[in-house]
Amino acid sequence: MTVLFQGNRTFPAGQSESALFPVPAQMQVPGLTVQITMASSSFPVGTTNIDILLSPDNGATFQGNPFSFTSPDDISSIHGSTIPFRFGFAFGAITPNSVKFVVNAPAQFTTAVLVETL
C-alpha cells in the first residue's frame, strides 16, 4: 500500500478535479487498484459523484469508473455516518503511472481524503 495523497480537501458545489498524483515506479503494475477514502459524514445532502481516473501516459489519457454517493441515504445504509466511504478501481491490463479524481457535488463540503494504491 502506498499513499498518493492524504489531507483535508474542500470541494466546491459542482465539478472539481484533483491534481495529478504520480504512482511510484515500483507500484506501476498491470491491474493496480487505487482506492479513495473520505469521511462519509462530510458529504452534502444529495448525490455526489466521484470518479477515480487512472492514466498510463502521465495524464495524456485516462480510464476511470464513476461512483455515486447519496447522502443521507447511503450513510444510513452503511450503518452510521462516522465510518469512512471507500471506493477502489482497477482496470485490467492498464499500468497506471498517475492518478487523479473528479468530484461533482451538490454543495460545497470539506472532508479528509486518502488516495492510495492497494
Protein backbone atom coordinates (compact mmCIF):
# COMPACT_ATOMS: atom_id res chain seq x y z
CA MET A 1 0.00 0.00 0.00
CA THR A 2 1.34 3.42 -0.99
CA VAL A 3 -0.25 6.77 -0.09
CA LEU A 4 -0.53 9.05 -3.13
CA PHE A 5 -2.39 11.86 -1.33
CA GLN A 6 -3.61 12.46 2.21
CA GLY A 7 -5.14 15.65 3.59
CA ASN A 8 -8.23 17.74 4.03
CA ARG A 9 -9.85 18.98 0.85
CA THR A 10 -12.70 21.42 0.26
CA PHE A 11 -14.83 20.56 -2.76
CA PRO A 12 -16.98 23.34 -4.24
CA ALA A 13 -20.51 22.81 -5.47
CA GLY A 14 -20.28 21.39 -8.98
CA GLN A 15 -17.34 19.59 -10.54
CA SER A 16 -13.77 19.81 -9.28
CA GLU A 17 -10.65 17.89 -10.18
CA SER A 18 -7.63 16.97 -8.10
CA ALA A 19 -4.03 17.43 -9.08
CA LEU A 20 -2.31 14.59 -10.90
CA PHE A 21 -0.64 12.20 -8.43
CA PRO A 22 2.31 10.16 -9.72
CA VAL A 23 2.37 6.44 -8.99
CA PRO A 24 5.83 5.33 -7.77
CA ALA A 25 7.68 3.19 -10.33
CA GLN A 26 7.71 0.11 -8.08
CA MET A 27 3.88 0.24 -7.88
CA GLN A 28 3.31 0.55 -11.65
CA VAL A 29 1.89 -2.88 -12.42
CA PRO A 30 -0.99 -4.01 -14.64
CA GLY A 31 -4.28 -4.11 -12.75
CA LEU A 32 -3.09 -1.84 -9.91
CA THR A 33 -6.03 -0.93 -7.63
CA VAL A 34 -6.31 2.67 -6.46
CA GLN A 35 -8.62 3.43 -3.52
CA ILE A 36 -10.05 6.74 -2.34
CA THR A 37 -11.31 7.09 1.24
CA MET A 38 -13.43 10.01 2.52
CA ALA A 39 -15.37 10.63 5.74
CA SER A 40 -18.98 9.76 4.87
CA SER A 41 -20.37 12.17 7.47
CA SER A 42 -18.97 15.11 5.50
CA PHE A 43 -20.90 14.54 2.28
CA PRO A 44 -23.59 17.13 1.48
CA VAL A 45 -27.25 16.16 1.18
CA GLY A 46 -27.91 14.92 -2.33
CA THR A 47 -25.89 12.87 -4.80
CA THR A 48 -22.13 13.29 -5.03
CA ASN A 49 -20.34 11.69 -7.98
CA ILE A 50 -16.74 10.51 -7.58
CA ASP A 51 -14.51 9.27 -10.38
CA ILE A 52 -11.05 7.74 -9.90
CA LEU A 53 -9.08 8.19 -13.12
CA LEU A 54 -6.01 6.11 -13.93
CA SER A 55 -3.52 7.20 -16.60
CA PRO A 56 -0.86 5.05 -18.30
CA ASP A 57 0.74 8.07 -20.01
CA ASN A 58 1.34 10.77 -17.38
CA GLY A 59 -2.12 12.29 -17.72
CA ALA A 60 -2.49 12.43 -21.51
CA THR A 61 -5.38 9.93 -21.35
CA PHE A 62 -7.44 8.47 -18.52
CA GLN A 63 -9.62 5.48 -17.82
CA GLY A 64 -11.94 5.56 -14.86
CA ASN A 65 -15.01 4.34 -13.13
CA PRO A 66 -17.58 6.72 -11.66
CA PHE A 67 -19.40 6.10 -8.41
CA SER A 68 -22.36 7.94 -6.87
CA PHE A 69 -22.91 8.50 -3.17
CA THR A 70 -26.30 9.82 -2.00
CA SER A 71 -26.46 11.45 1.42
CA PRO A 72 -28.17 10.73 3.75
CA ASP A 73 -29.49 7.50 2.14
CA ASP A 74 -26.12 5.82 1.57
CA ILE A 75 -24.90 6.89 5.02
CA SER A 76 -27.74 5.08 6.77
CA SER A 77 -27.29 2.05 4.53
CA ILE A 78 -23.67 1.70 5.67
CA HIS A 79 -24.74 1.70 9.30
CA GLY A 80 -23.72 5.09 10.62
CA SER A 81 -22.28 8.37 9.48
CA THR A 82 -18.88 8.12 11.15
CA ILE A 83 -17.37 5.30 9.09
CA PRO A 84 -15.27 6.13 6.04
CA PHE A 85 -16.52 5.82 2.48
CA ARG A 86 -14.09 3.74 0.38
CA PHE A 87 -14.11 3.25 -3.37
CA GLY A 88 -11.43 1.39 -5.33
CA PHE A 89 -10.78 0.99 -9.03
CA ALA A 90 -8.51 -1.19 -11.16
CA PHE A 91 -8.62 -1.53 -14.91
CA GLY A 92 -7.38 -4.85 -16.25
CA ALA A 93 -4.18 -4.55 -18.24
CA ILE A 94 -3.64 -0.81 -17.77
CA THR A 95 -0.40 0.04 -15.95
CA PRO A 96 -1.11 3.44 -14.39
CA ASN A 97 1.72 5.88 -13.76
CA SER A 98 -0.54 8.66 -12.48
CA VAL A 99 -3.93 9.09 -10.85
CA LYS A 100 -6.44 11.86 -10.26
CA PHE A 101 -10.00 12.07 -9.01
CA VAL A 102 -13.00 14.15 -10.01
CA VAL A 103 -15.83 15.06 -7.64
CA ASN A 104 -19.18 16.54 -8.66
CA ALA A 105 -21.10 17.62 -5.53
CA PRO A 106 -24.48 19.29 -4.99
CA ALA A 107 -22.99 21.65 -2.39
CA GLN A 108 -19.58 22.60 -1.02
CA PHE A 109 -18.10 20.26 1.57
CA THR A 110 -14.79 19.60 3.30
CA THR A 111 -13.51 16.17 4.17
CA ALA A 112 -10.36 14.19 4.85
CA VAL A 113 -9.19 12.43 1.67
CA LEU A 114 -6.85 9.47 1.35
CA VAL A 115 -5.79 8.20 -2.09
CA GLU A 116 -3.69 5.05 -2.01
CA THR A 117 -2.61 2.06 -4.06
CA LEU A 118 -3.53 -1.43 -2.87
